[in-house]
Amino acid sequence: MAQVELGGQDGTGDQQDHGEALGSYRPEYVFPLVDGQRSAVVIEDGSVQDFVSGFYAVSDDPGGTEEWLGYFAGSDADDENREDEGDGHDEGALPVAGSAAARVALGDRQVVGLAEIRALRGSMWEEVRRRRHRLDKVEITAVHDGGARIEYTIYGTVLLTPRDAAAEASPQETRWHGFAEIERRRRDGRGPAWRYKSYKVVLLP
């Protein structure tokens, strides 16, 4: 798998456009049978894959806080979309889920809503100079509301370079897996086509 350095808190590394870097954030996707049919049918447009890859690319960019927050339910863009959708009925359109404040858990720390999620992101970078995710596999585990909500499990590793590490120090590698529930948004060009409703990450020994 190709590796792309997106840079760190000290401004080092190759700063690349997120779209150009997505090739290093493309995991294997596993589509089990859900309700008797392959769950792949609900994401055949590739929007879930783009959502996952885009999220981890901007996660590794310390300057991408506002863009990163846009991946969670409860953002301003979500509120604007709900106002624009009216009764939500559009014949032939993909189903769109409602939205409430996102819930995020990282290890033992749990937060709710964008303000707390923003603070969590800030704390993740306090002692980290550089970070890079490697995504291995995404398994779709449940499909709800005709494809408007999807649950999945994701597996990967993260390479972290502590802020106080020597310049020549090798990054620390940690395995992790995550559990996510995402909801589809209206595709209007304003932000990702999906939002996290809940997201939990467990770091493995």
Protein backbone atom coordinates (compact mmCIF):
# COMPACT_ATOMS: atom_id res chain seq x y z
CA MET A 1 0.00 0.00 0.00
CA ALA A 2 1.34 3.41 -0.91
CA GLN A 3 2.19 5.75 1.94
CA VAL A 4 1.67 9.49 1.80
CA GLU A 5 3.08 11.93 4.34
CA LEU A 6 0.60 14.71 4.91
CA GLY A 7 2.80 16.71 7.23
CA GLY A 8 2.60 17.49 10.91
CA GLN A 9 2.42 20.13 13.57
CA ASP A 10 5.86 21.47 12.66
CA GLY A 11 4.94 21.96 9.02
CA THR A 12 7.32 19.27 7.81
CA GLY A 13 6.46 16.59 5.30
CA ASP A 14 4.91 16.88 1.88
CA GLN A 15 1.73 18.87 2.04
CA GLN A 16 -0.62 17.32 -0.53
CA ASP A 17 -4.17 17.94 -1.59
CA HIS A 18 -6.47 15.48 0.15
CA GLY A 19 -7.80 14.20 -3.16
CA GLU A 20 -4.30 13.39 -4.40
CA ALA A 21 -3.49 11.52 -1.19
CA LEU A 22 -6.57 9.31 -1.04
CA GLY A 23 -4.82 6.39 -2.69
CA SER A 24 -3.07 5.60 0.60
CA TYR A 25 -6.38 5.56 2.46
CA ARG A 26 -8.18 2.95 0.35
CA PRO A 27 -8.85 -0.17 2.47
CA GLU A 28 -10.32 -3.48 1.40
CA TYR A 29 -14.12 -3.47 1.62
CA VAL A 30 -16.07 -6.51 2.76
CA PHE A 31 -19.76 -6.64 1.89
CA PRO A 32 -21.51 -9.41 3.84
CA LEU A 33 -25.09 -10.43 3.26
CA VAL A 34 -27.43 -7.99 5.02
CA ASP A 35 -31.13 -8.87 5.09
CA GLY A 36 -30.53 -11.43 2.39
CA GLN A 37 -28.72 -9.19 -0.07
CA ARG A 38 -25.24 -7.86 -0.53
CA SER A 39 -24.81 -4.58 1.31
CA ALA A 40 -22.67 -3.39 -1.59
CA VAL A 41 -25.82 -2.45 -3.47
CA VAL A 42 -26.45 0.51 -1.17
CA ILE A 43 -23.02 2.05 -1.69
CA GLU A 44 -22.45 1.28 -5.34
CA ASP A 45 -21.99 4.98 -6.05
CA GLY A 46 -18.69 4.91 -4.15
CA SER A 47 -19.74 7.64 -1.73
CA VAL A 48 -19.03 5.60 1.40
CA GLN A 49 -15.55 4.74 0.15
CA ASP A 50 -14.89 8.42 -0.60
CA PHE A 51 -16.22 9.39 2.83
CA VAL A 52 -13.96 6.96 4.69
CA SER A 53 -10.85 7.83 2.68
CA GLY A 54 -11.46 11.56 2.93
CA PHE A 55 -12.02 11.44 6.67
CA TYR A 56 -8.71 9.77 7.48
CA ALA A 57 -6.82 11.97 5.05
CA VAL A 58 -8.01 15.12 6.79
CA SER A 59 -7.57 13.42 10.18
CA ASP A 60 -3.84 13.33 9.44
CA ASP A 61 -3.74 17.05 8.59
CA PRO A 62 -3.40 19.13 11.79
CA GLY A 63 -4.67 22.21 9.96
CA GLY A 64 -7.88 20.56 8.77
CA THR A 65 -9.99 20.95 11.90
CA GLU A 66 -13.00 22.66 10.32
CA GLU A 67 -13.10 20.23 7.41
CA TRP A 68 -12.73 17.32 9.84
CA LEU A 69 -15.67 18.53 11.94
CA GLY A 70 -17.79 18.58 8.78
CA TYR A 71 -17.70 14.77 8.82
CA PHE A 72 -19.86 14.63 11.96
CA ALA A 73 -23.62 14.96 12.37
CA GLY A 74 -24.75 18.24 13.87
CA SER A 75 -22.58 20.50 11.72
CA ASP A 76 -23.95 23.76 10.31
CA ALA A 77 -24.15 22.16 6.88
CA ASP A 78 -26.44 19.47 8.30
CA ASP A 79 -28.77 22.11 9.74
CA GLU A 80 -28.89 23.95 6.41
CA ASN A 81 -29.66 20.73 4.55
CA ARG A 82 -32.54 19.85 6.85
CA GLU A 83 -34.07 23.27 6.27
CA ASP A 84 -33.70 22.86 2.50
CA GLU A 85 -35.14 19.34 2.38
CA GLY A 86 -38.66 20.26 3.41
CA ASP A 87 -40.65 17.04 3.80
CA GLY A 88 -37.67 15.08 2.45
CA HIS A 89 -39.70 13.53 -0.39
CA ASP A 90 -38.01 13.46 -3.75
CA GLU A 91 -39.12 10.64 -5.99
CA GLY A 92 -36.14 8.63 -7.18
CA ALA A 93 -33.74 10.25 -4.71
CA LEU A 94 -31.55 8.27 -2.33
CA PRO A 95 -32.94 8.02 1.22
CA VAL A 96 -31.64 10.70 3.59
CA ALA A 97 -31.40 10.25 7.35
CA GLY A 98 -32.27 12.76 10.05
CA SER A 99 -29.48 14.03 12.25
CA ALA A 100 -28.67 14.53 15.92
CA ALA A 101 -25.46 15.44 17.71
CA ALA A 102 -22.70 12.96 16.91
CA ARG A 103 -21.21 10.75 19.62
CA VAL A 104 -17.50 9.89 19.58
CA ALA A 105 -15.48 7.57 21.81
CA LEU A 106 -11.70 7.30 21.76
CA GLY A 107 -10.59 4.70 24.27
CA ASP A 108 -12.21 5.59 27.59
CA ARG A 109 -13.03 9.16 26.56
CA GLN A 110 -16.54 9.81 25.26
CA VAL A 111 -17.83 13.10 23.86
CA VAL A 112 -21.09 14.35 22.37
CA GLY A 113 -21.61 17.27 20.00
CA LEU A 114 -19.29 19.37 17.89
CA ALA A 115 -17.83 21.48 20.70
CA GLU A 116 -16.65 18.42 22.60
CA ILE A 117 -15.50 16.70 19.40
CA ARG A 118 -13.44 19.78 18.52
CA ALA A 119 -11.79 19.68 21.95
CA LEU A 120 -11.07 15.97 21.51
CA ARG A 121 -9.33 16.60 18.20
CA GLY A 122 -7.23 19.34 19.77
CA SER A 123 -6.11 17.00 22.54
CA MET A 124 -5.13 14.34 20.00
CA TRP A 125 -2.55 16.70 18.49
CA GLU A 126 -1.17 18.17 21.73
CA GLU A 127 1.69 15.68 22.03
CA VAL A 128 1.83 14.48 18.42
CA ARG A 129 4.03 16.04 15.75
CA ARG A 130 2.97 13.81 12.89
CA ARG A 131 0.31 11.17 12.30
CA ARG A 132 -0.52 8.84 9.46
CA HIS A 133 -3.31 6.27 9.25
CA ARG A 134 -3.12 3.06 7.27
CA LEU A 135 -6.52 1.53 6.56
CA ASP A 136 -6.71 -2.23 6.11
CA LYS A 137 -10.33 -3.32 5.95
CA VAL A 138 -13.88 -2.01 6.24
CA GLU A 139 -16.70 -4.46 6.88
CA ILE A 140 -20.27 -3.27 6.39
CA THR A 141 -22.22 -4.82 9.27
CA ALA A 142 -25.72 -3.34 9.01
CA VAL A 143 -27.87 -1.30 6.64
CA HIS A 144 -30.88 0.67 7.92
CA ASP A 145 -33.69 2.81 6.52
CA GLY A 146 -33.27 1.64 2.96
CA GLY A 147 -29.60 2.57 2.92
CA ALA A 148 -29.88 5.93 4.67
CA ARG A 149 -27.87 4.64 7.64
CA ILE A 150 -24.97 2.19 7.55
CA GLU A 151 -22.88 0.59 10.28
CA TYR A 152 -19.38 -0.69 9.68
CA THR A 153 -16.25 -1.91 11.43
CA ILE A 154 -12.86 -0.64 10.28
CA TYR A 155 -9.38 -2.04 10.95
CA GLY A 156 -6.03 -0.33 10.55
CA THR A 157 -2.84 1.00 12.07
CA VAL A 158 -1.70 4.51 12.91
CA LEU A 159 1.88 5.81 12.85
CA LEU A 160 2.52 8.53 15.44
CA THR A 161 5.60 10.69 15.89
CA PRO A 162 5.56 12.31 19.35
CA ARG A 163 6.22 16.03 19.52
CA ASP A 164 9.28 15.52 21.72
CA ALA A 165 10.80 12.76 19.56
CA ALA A 166 14.16 13.27 17.88
CA ALA A 167 13.99 14.26 14.23
CA GLU A 168 15.39 10.89 13.14
CA ALA A 169 13.11 8.85 15.44
CA SER A 170 10.89 6.20 13.88
CA PRO A 171 7.14 6.68 14.35
CA GLN A 172 5.28 4.56 16.88
CA GLU A 173 2.89 2.09 15.25
CA THR A 174 -0.39 1.17 16.94
CA ARG A 175 -3.08 -1.18 15.69
CA TRP A 176 -6.69 -0.11 16.12
CA HIS A 177 -10.21 -0.86 15.07
CA GLY A 178 -13.28 1.31 14.98
CA PHE A 179 -17.05 1.05 14.93
CA ALA A 180 -19.10 3.62 13.06
CA GLU A 181 -22.67 4.48 12.21
CA ILE A 182 -23.02 6.96 9.37
CA GLU A 183 -26.06 8.63 7.85
CA ARG A 184 -26.55 9.78 4.31
CA ARG A 185 -26.90 13.48 3.59
CA ARG A 186 -28.34 15.18 0.59
CA ARG A 187 -25.68 15.47 -2.14
CA ASP A 188 -25.62 19.19 -2.75
CA GLY A 189 -21.89 19.78 -3.02
CA ARG A 190 -21.60 21.14 0.51
CA GLY A 191 -19.39 18.70 2.36
CA PRO A 192 -19.32 14.90 2.47
CA ALA A 193 -22.32 12.83 1.32
CA TRP A 194 -22.36 11.11 4.73
CA ARG A 195 -21.93 12.12 8.37
CA TYR A 196 -20.84 10.18 11.44
CA LYS A 197 -23.74 9.59 13.81
CA SER A 198 -21.49 7.62 16.14
CA TYR A 199 -17.81 6.70 15.97
CA LYS A 200 -15.75 4.64 18.41
CA VAL A 201 -12.05 3.79 18.22
CA VAL A 202 -10.29 1.11 20.26
CA LEU A 203 -6.48 1.05 20.37
CA LEU A 204 -5.07 -2.48 20.46
CA PRO A 205 -2.08 -3.62 22.53
